Amino acid sequence: QVQLVESGGGLVQPGGSLRLSCACSGIIFSFYHMGWSRQAPGQQREFVARISNGGSTNYADSVKGRFTISRDNAKNTLYLQMNSLKPEDTAVYYCNANHVFLREDYWGQGTQVTVSS
């Protein structure tokens, strides 16, 4: 059974930092490109960051220079380090896994991030 479990969300003041984690099981982690997306209330889910199975990264313009995506293949875990957080970063953050060759796509249940003073 495939499971992607996000953690690390919470309430933080503007300018603060959070580190999200996504623990994966039931997949061969190194065979998957991994990513983070987010969905704010009343809005569509949007891309945040992606890391290939080889470690290449790309980011949404809105988070470039503030967020860092990384992965630990030995721990089957994806991370998102979020610095200089803004109120507009408030959303539910989801991790996803896309198989490098097959049409396999998995999503976690999400973790809430709230940036507010």
Protein backbone atom coordinates (compact mmCIF):
# COMPACT_ATOMS: atom_id res chain seq x y z
CA GLN A 1 0.00 0.00 0.00
CA VAL A 2 1.38 3.37 -1.05
CA GLN A 3 1.42 6.06 1.60
CA LEU A 4 2.67 9.64 1.46
CA VAL A 5 2.42 11.29 4.88
CA GLU A 6 3.13 14.99 5.26
CA SER A 7 4.12 16.58 8.56
CA GLY A 8 5.65 19.76 9.89
CA GLY A 9 2.88 22.22 9.20
CA GLY A 10 1.58 24.68 11.74
CA LEU A 11 1.10 28.30 12.67
CA VAL A 12 4.04 30.65 12.14
CA GLN A 13 4.48 34.41 12.16
CA PRO A 14 5.38 36.29 8.98
CA GLY A 15 9.09 36.06 8.36
CA GLY A 16 9.32 32.74 10.15
CA SER A 17 10.35 29.32 8.93
CA LEU A 18 8.92 25.82 8.75
CA ARG A 19 10.24 22.53 7.44
CA LEU A 20 7.75 20.14 5.91
CA SER A 21 8.44 16.44 5.55
CA CYS A 22 6.78 13.79 3.43
CA ALA A 23 7.46 10.22 4.48
CA CYS A 24 6.82 7.71 1.71
CA SER A 25 6.19 4.00 1.87
CA GLY A 26 5.06 1.36 -0.60
CA ILE A 27 7.09 2.82 -3.48
CA ILE A 28 10.68 2.61 -4.66
CA PHE A 29 11.37 6.21 -3.75
CA SER A 30 14.36 6.68 -6.05
CA PHE A 31 12.19 5.82 -9.07
CA TYR A 32 9.96 8.83 -8.50
CA HIS A 33 10.12 12.53 -9.20
CA MET A 34 8.75 14.30 -6.13
CA GLY A 35 6.96 17.56 -5.66
CA TRP A 36 5.08 19.94 -3.39
CA SER A 37 1.87 21.73 -4.26
CA ARG A 38 -0.44 23.88 -2.17
CA GLN A 39 -4.06 24.91 -2.06
CA ALA A 40 -5.33 28.02 -0.35
CA PRO A 41 -9.01 28.35 0.64
CA GLY A 42 -11.17 29.04 -2.38
CA GLN A 43 -8.29 28.63 -4.80
CA GLN A 44 -7.02 25.92 -7.10
CA ARG A 45 -4.10 23.74 -6.16
CA GLU A 46 -0.85 25.24 -7.41
CA PHE A 47 2.66 23.98 -8.03
CA VAL A 48 5.28 24.94 -5.46
CA ALA A 49 8.44 22.93 -6.14
CA ARG A 50 9.68 19.77 -7.76
CA ILE A 51 12.77 17.59 -7.48
CA SER A 52 13.62 14.93 -10.01
CA ASN A 53 14.82 11.48 -9.08
CA GLY A 54 18.28 12.76 -10.01
CA GLY A 55 18.06 15.82 -7.78
CA SER A 56 17.26 18.58 -10.27
CA THR A 57 14.92 21.18 -8.82
CA ASN A 58 12.53 23.83 -10.00
CA TYR A 59 10.30 26.26 -8.16
CA ALA A 60 7.30 28.46 -8.60
CA ASP A 61 8.33 32.10 -9.01
CA SER A 62 6.42 33.00 -5.86
CA VAL A 63 8.71 30.86 -3.66
CA LYS A 64 12.08 31.11 -5.42
CA GLY A 65 14.81 32.13 -3.04
CA ARG A 66 12.68 31.39 0.00
CA PHE A 67 11.81 27.68 -0.26
CA THR A 68 14.17 24.74 -0.76
CA ILE A 69 13.06 21.27 -1.80
CA SER A 70 15.24 18.28 -1.02
CA ARG A 71 15.03 14.52 -0.74
CA ASP A 72 16.70 11.77 1.22
CA ASN A 73 16.48 8.57 -0.79
CA ALA A 74 17.87 6.51 2.10
CA LYS A 75 14.97 7.65 4.29
CA ASN A 76 12.31 7.72 1.56
CA THR A 77 11.53 11.25 2.63
CA LEU A 78 10.89 14.52 0.82
CA TYR A 79 11.43 17.90 2.48
CA LEU A 80 10.43 21.50 1.93
CA GLN A 81 12.35 24.13 3.88
CA MET A 82 10.29 27.31 3.93
CA ASN A 83 11.91 30.57 5.01
CA SER A 84 10.74 34.19 5.05
CA LEU A 85 7.15 33.01 5.14
CA LYS A 86 4.41 35.39 4.08
CA PRO A 87 0.67 35.39 4.83
CA GLU A 88 0.05 34.48 1.20
CA ASP A 89 1.91 31.21 1.78
CA THR A 90 -1.00 30.08 3.95
CA ALA A 91 -2.39 26.88 2.41
CA VAL A 92 -2.62 23.14 2.72
CA TYR A 93 0.62 21.71 1.38
CA TYR A 94 0.60 18.40 -0.45
CA CYS A 95 3.44 16.17 -1.56
CA ASN A 96 3.20 14.04 -4.66
CA ALA A 97 5.17 11.30 -6.34
CA ASN A 98 5.39 10.70 -10.10
CA HIS A 99 7.02 7.57 -11.42
CA VAL A 100 9.89 8.30 -13.78
CA PHE A 101 8.66 5.88 -16.47
CA LEU A 102 5.17 4.69 -15.58
CA ARG A 103 1.91 6.59 -15.29
CA GLU A 104 1.84 6.36 -11.53
CA ASP A 105 0.94 9.42 -9.52
CA TYR A 106 0.39 9.51 -5.76
CA TRP A 107 -0.62 12.28 -3.36
CA GLY A 108 -0.49 12.77 0.36
CA GLN A 109 -3.33 14.04 2.53
CA GLY A 110 -1.77 17.43 3.10
CA THR A 111 -0.53 19.49 6.03
CA GLN A 112 -1.84 22.94 6.97
CA VAL A 113 0.52 25.90 6.98
CA THR A 114 -0.80 29.15 8.42
CA VAL A 115 1.26 32.34 8.34
CA SER A 116 -0.25 34.96 10.58
CA SER A 117 0.67 37.40 13.30
